[in-house]
Every structure is written in structure tokens, then in C-alpha cells.
């Protein structure tokens, strides 16, 4: 069982490393895509979910900053 756990940890570490690489190179595209998607949903729902969608945008930006290694993320 320990061997399985070690392999799982290695696999998760590899995924995190790849995600960090993508975010470092394309973080602006990630946040831009999420922002566009939430804008479309906001428009389609007539603004009924604006508050929740803004949280999604904010959390996406924080996650990109964290994964991208930004030690001083921009304030939301």
C-alpha cells in the first residue's frame, strides 16, 4: 500500500508541476478565459449570479497567482 501512496504522491506532484508551468507561461490566458466565461454566464442569467461569478473570477486570479509563483498577488 505504501508503494501505491508514493506513486500517487509522485503523480500529483507531476500534475502540480505541469500546472505551474502552464500558469507561468499562460496565466493571463487562463484568467481571461474564465473572465469571459463568467461574463457570458452573467449575461445569460441577467446578472442574477453576478456576486457568485465575481467570486469565481477572484478565486481564479488567486489560484493563478499562487500556482504561478507570484508571492505578492494583486489585490482583488
N, C-alpha and C. Protein backbone atom coordinates (compact mmCIF):
# COMPACT_ATOMS: atom_id res chain seq x y z
N UNK A 1 0.83 -1.19 0.00
CA UNK A 1 0.00 0.00 0.00
C UNK A 1 0.87 1.25 0.00
N UNK A 2 1.97 1.21 0.71
CA UNK A 2 2.87 2.35 0.78
C UNK A 2 3.43 2.70 -0.60
N UNK A 3 3.72 1.69 -1.39
CA UNK A 3 4.23 1.91 -2.75
C UNK A 3 3.18 2.65 -3.59
N UNK A 4 1.92 2.27 -3.43
CA UNK A 4 0.84 2.92 -4.14
C UNK A 4 0.74 4.39 -3.75
N UNK A 5 0.82 4.66 -2.47
CA UNK A 5 0.74 6.04 -1.97
C UNK A 5 1.91 6.86 -2.49
N UNK A 6 3.10 6.30 -2.49
CA UNK A 6 4.27 7.01 -3.00
C UNK A 6 4.09 7.34 -4.49
N UNK A 7 3.58 6.39 -5.25
CA UNK A 7 3.35 6.63 -6.68
C UNK A 7 2.28 7.69 -6.89
N UNK A 8 1.25 7.67 -6.06
CA UNK A 8 0.18 8.66 -6.16
C UNK A 8 0.72 10.06 -5.84
N UNK A 9 1.55 10.15 -4.81
CA UNK A 9 2.14 11.44 -4.46
C UNK A 9 3.02 11.96 -5.60
N UNK A 10 3.80 11.07 -6.21
CA UNK A 10 4.64 11.46 -7.34
C UNK A 10 3.79 11.95 -8.51
N UNK A 11 2.70 11.25 -8.78
CA UNK A 11 1.82 11.63 -9.88
C UNK A 11 1.18 12.99 -9.63
N UNK A 12 0.72 13.23 -8.40
CA UNK A 12 0.13 14.51 -8.06
C UNK A 12 1.18 15.62 -8.17
N UNK A 13 2.38 15.33 -7.72
CA UNK A 13 3.47 16.31 -7.83
C UNK A 13 3.76 16.66 -9.28
N UNK A 14 3.73 15.66 -10.15
CA UNK A 14 3.95 15.92 -11.57
C UNK A 14 2.85 16.81 -12.16
N UNK A 15 1.61 16.54 -11.78
CA UNK A 15 0.48 17.34 -12.27
C UNK A 15 0.60 18.78 -11.78
N UNK A 16 0.96 18.95 -10.53
CA UNK A 16 1.12 20.30 -9.99
C UNK A 16 2.25 21.03 -10.71
N UNK A 17 3.34 20.34 -10.95
CA UNK A 17 4.47 20.96 -11.68
C UNK A 17 4.04 21.40 -13.07
N UNK A 18 3.30 20.55 -13.76
CA UNK A 18 2.83 20.90 -15.10
C UNK A 18 1.87 22.08 -15.06
N UNK A 19 0.97 22.08 -14.07
CA UNK A 19 0.03 23.20 -13.92
C UNK A 19 0.78 24.50 -13.66
N UNK A 20 1.81 24.43 -12.83
CA UNK A 20 2.60 25.63 -12.55
C UNK A 20 3.29 26.14 -13.81
N UNK A 21 3.81 25.23 -14.61
CA UNK A 21 4.45 25.63 -15.86
C UNK A 21 3.46 26.31 -16.79
N UNK A 22 2.28 25.73 -16.92
CA UNK A 22 1.26 26.31 -17.80
C UNK A 22 0.86 27.70 -17.30
N UNK A 23 0.63 27.81 -16.00
CA UNK A 23 0.20 29.08 -15.43
C UNK A 23 1.29 30.14 -15.56
N UNK A 24 2.54 29.74 -15.36
CA UNK A 24 3.63 30.71 -15.51
C UNK A 24 3.69 31.26 -16.92
N UNK A 25 3.44 30.39 -17.90
CA UNK A 25 3.51 30.80 -19.30
C UNK A 25 2.22 31.42 -19.82
N UNK A 26 1.08 31.00 -19.26
CA UNK A 26 -0.20 31.41 -19.84
C UNK A 26 -1.24 31.82 -18.80
N UNK A 27 -0.82 32.29 -17.66
CA UNK A 27 -1.74 32.67 -16.60
C UNK A 27 -2.75 33.71 -17.02
N UNK A 28 -2.29 34.66 -17.84
CA UNK A 28 -3.19 35.70 -18.31
C UNK A 28 -4.28 35.13 -19.20
N UNK A 29 -3.96 34.10 -19.96
CA UNK A 29 -4.96 33.46 -20.81
C UNK A 29 -5.97 32.68 -19.97
N UNK A 30 -5.49 32.06 -18.90
CA UNK A 30 -6.39 31.30 -18.02
C UNK A 30 -7.38 32.26 -17.37
N UNK A 31 -6.90 33.32 -16.77
CA UNK A 31 -7.80 34.25 -16.11
C UNK A 31 -8.71 34.94 -17.12
N UNK A 32 -8.18 35.24 -18.31
CA UNK A 32 -9.01 35.86 -19.34
C UNK A 32 -10.13 34.95 -19.80
N UNK A 33 -9.83 33.67 -19.97
CA UNK A 33 -10.85 32.71 -20.41
C UNK A 33 -11.94 32.55 -19.36
N UNK A 34 -11.54 32.46 -18.10
CA UNK A 34 -12.53 32.33 -17.03
C UNK A 34 -13.36 33.60 -16.94
N UNK A 35 -12.74 34.75 -17.08
CA UNK A 35 -13.46 36.02 -17.04
C UNK A 35 -14.49 36.10 -18.17
N UNK A 36 -14.09 35.70 -19.37
CA UNK A 36 -15.03 35.70 -20.50
C UNK A 36 -16.20 34.75 -20.24
N UNK A 37 -15.88 33.58 -19.72
CA UNK A 37 -16.94 32.59 -19.45
C UNK A 37 -17.91 33.10 -18.39
N UNK A 38 -17.39 33.70 -17.33
CA UNK A 38 -18.28 34.21 -16.29
C UNK A 38 -19.10 35.39 -16.80
N UNK A 39 -18.52 36.19 -17.70
CA UNK A 39 -19.28 37.29 -18.30
C UNK A 39 -20.45 36.76 -19.14
N UNK A 40 -20.22 35.70 -19.89
CA UNK A 40 -21.29 35.10 -20.70
C UNK A 40 -22.39 34.57 -19.79
N UNK A 41 -22.00 33.85 -18.74
CA UNK A 41 -23.00 33.31 -17.81
C UNK A 41 -23.76 34.45 -17.15
N UNK A 42 -23.07 35.48 -16.76
CA UNK A 42 -23.70 36.64 -16.12
C UNK A 42 -24.72 37.27 -17.06
N UNK A 43 -24.34 37.40 -18.32
CA UNK A 43 -25.23 37.98 -19.32
C UNK A 43 -26.46 37.09 -19.52
N UNK A 44 -26.24 35.79 -19.64
CA UNK A 44 -27.34 34.85 -19.90
C UNK A 44 -28.30 34.75 -18.71
N UNK A 45 -27.80 34.98 -17.50
CA UNK A 45 -28.66 34.89 -16.32
C UNK A 45 -29.21 36.25 -15.90
N UNK A 46 -28.94 37.25 -16.70
CA UNK A 46 -29.46 38.58 -16.38
C UNK A 46 -28.86 39.17 -15.12
N UNK A 47 -27.66 38.78 -14.80
CA UNK A 47 -26.97 39.34 -13.63
C UNK A 47 -27.38 38.72 -12.31
N UNK A 48 -28.20 37.68 -12.35
CA UNK A 48 -28.68 37.06 -11.12
C UNK A 48 -27.57 36.40 -10.31
N UNK A 49 -26.49 36.02 -10.97
CA UNK A 49 -25.40 35.31 -10.28
C UNK A 49 -24.12 36.15 -10.24
N UNK A 50 -24.24 37.44 -10.44
CA UNK A 50 -23.06 38.30 -10.54
C UNK A 50 -22.11 38.17 -9.36
N UNK A 51 -22.66 38.14 -8.17
CA UNK A 51 -21.84 38.06 -6.97
C UNK A 51 -21.03 36.75 -6.93
N UNK A 52 -21.68 35.67 -7.28
CA UNK A 52 -21.00 34.36 -7.27
C UNK A 52 -19.96 34.29 -8.39
N UNK A 53 -20.30 34.84 -9.53
CA UNK A 53 -19.37 34.81 -10.66
C UNK A 53 -18.14 35.67 -10.39
N UNK A 54 -18.32 36.77 -9.68
CA UNK A 54 -17.18 37.60 -9.31
C UNK A 54 -16.25 36.83 -8.38
N UNK A 55 -16.83 36.04 -7.49
CA UNK A 55 -16.02 35.20 -6.61
C UNK A 55 -15.20 34.20 -7.42
N UNK A 56 -15.82 33.64 -8.46
CA UNK A 56 -15.10 32.70 -9.33
C UNK A 56 -13.92 33.40 -9.98
N UNK A 57 -14.15 34.61 -10.50
CA UNK A 57 -13.06 35.38 -11.12
C UNK A 57 -11.94 35.65 -10.11
N UNK A 58 -12.32 36.06 -8.91
CA UNK A 58 -11.33 36.38 -7.87
C UNK A 58 -10.54 35.15 -7.45
N UNK A 59 -11.23 34.04 -7.26
CA UNK A 59 -10.55 32.80 -6.86
C UNK A 59 -9.64 32.28 -7.96
N UNK A 60 -10.06 32.45 -9.20
CA UNK A 60 -9.21 32.04 -10.32
C UNK A 60 -7.93 32.86 -10.34
N UNK A 61 -8.06 34.15 -10.15
CA UNK A 61 -6.88 35.01 -10.14
C UNK A 61 -5.93 34.64 -8.99
N UNK A 62 -6.50 34.36 -7.82
CA UNK A 62 -5.67 33.96 -6.68
C UNK A 62 -4.96 32.64 -6.95
N UNK A 63 -5.68 31.70 -7.55
CA UNK A 63 -5.09 30.40 -7.85
C UNK A 63 -3.97 30.53 -8.88
N UNK A 64 -4.20 31.35 -9.89
CA UNK A 64 -3.16 31.57 -10.91
C UNK A 64 -1.95 32.24 -10.28
N UNK A 65 -2.18 33.21 -9.42
CA UNK A 65 -1.06 33.87 -8.74
C UNK A 65 -0.28 32.88 -7.88
N UNK A 66 -1.01 32.02 -7.18
CA UNK A 66 -0.35 31.04 -6.30
C UNK A 66 0.43 30.01 -7.10
N UNK A 67 -0.20 29.45 -8.13
CA UNK A 67 0.47 28.45 -8.95
C UNK A 67 1.61 29.04 -9.76
N UNK A 68 1.45 30.28 -10.15
CA UNK A 68 2.46 30.93 -10.96
C UNK A 68 3.66 31.42 -10.17
N UNK A 69 3.57 31.30 -8.86
CA UNK A 69 4.70 31.70 -8.01
C UNK A 69 4.72 33.17 -7.69
N UNK A 70 3.60 33.85 -7.89
CA UNK A 70 3.53 35.29 -7.57
C UNK A 70 3.41 35.42 -6.07
N UNK A 71 4.48 35.88 -5.42
CA UNK A 71 4.48 36.00 -3.97
C UNK A 71 3.67 37.18 -3.47
N UNK A 72 3.41 38.14 -4.35
CA UNK A 72 2.65 39.32 -3.97
C UNK A 72 1.49 39.50 -4.94
N UNK A 73 0.44 38.68 -4.80
CA UNK A 73 -0.67 38.76 -5.75
C UNK A 73 -1.36 40.10 -5.70
N UNK A 74 -1.91 40.49 -6.84
CA UNK A 74 -2.62 41.76 -6.92
C UNK A 74 -3.86 41.69 -6.05
N UNK A 75 -4.20 42.80 -5.39
CA UNK A 75 -5.40 42.78 -4.57
C UNK A 75 -6.64 42.60 -5.43
N UNK A 76 -7.63 41.91 -4.88
CA UNK A 76 -8.87 41.64 -5.64
C UNK A 76 -9.78 42.84 -5.64
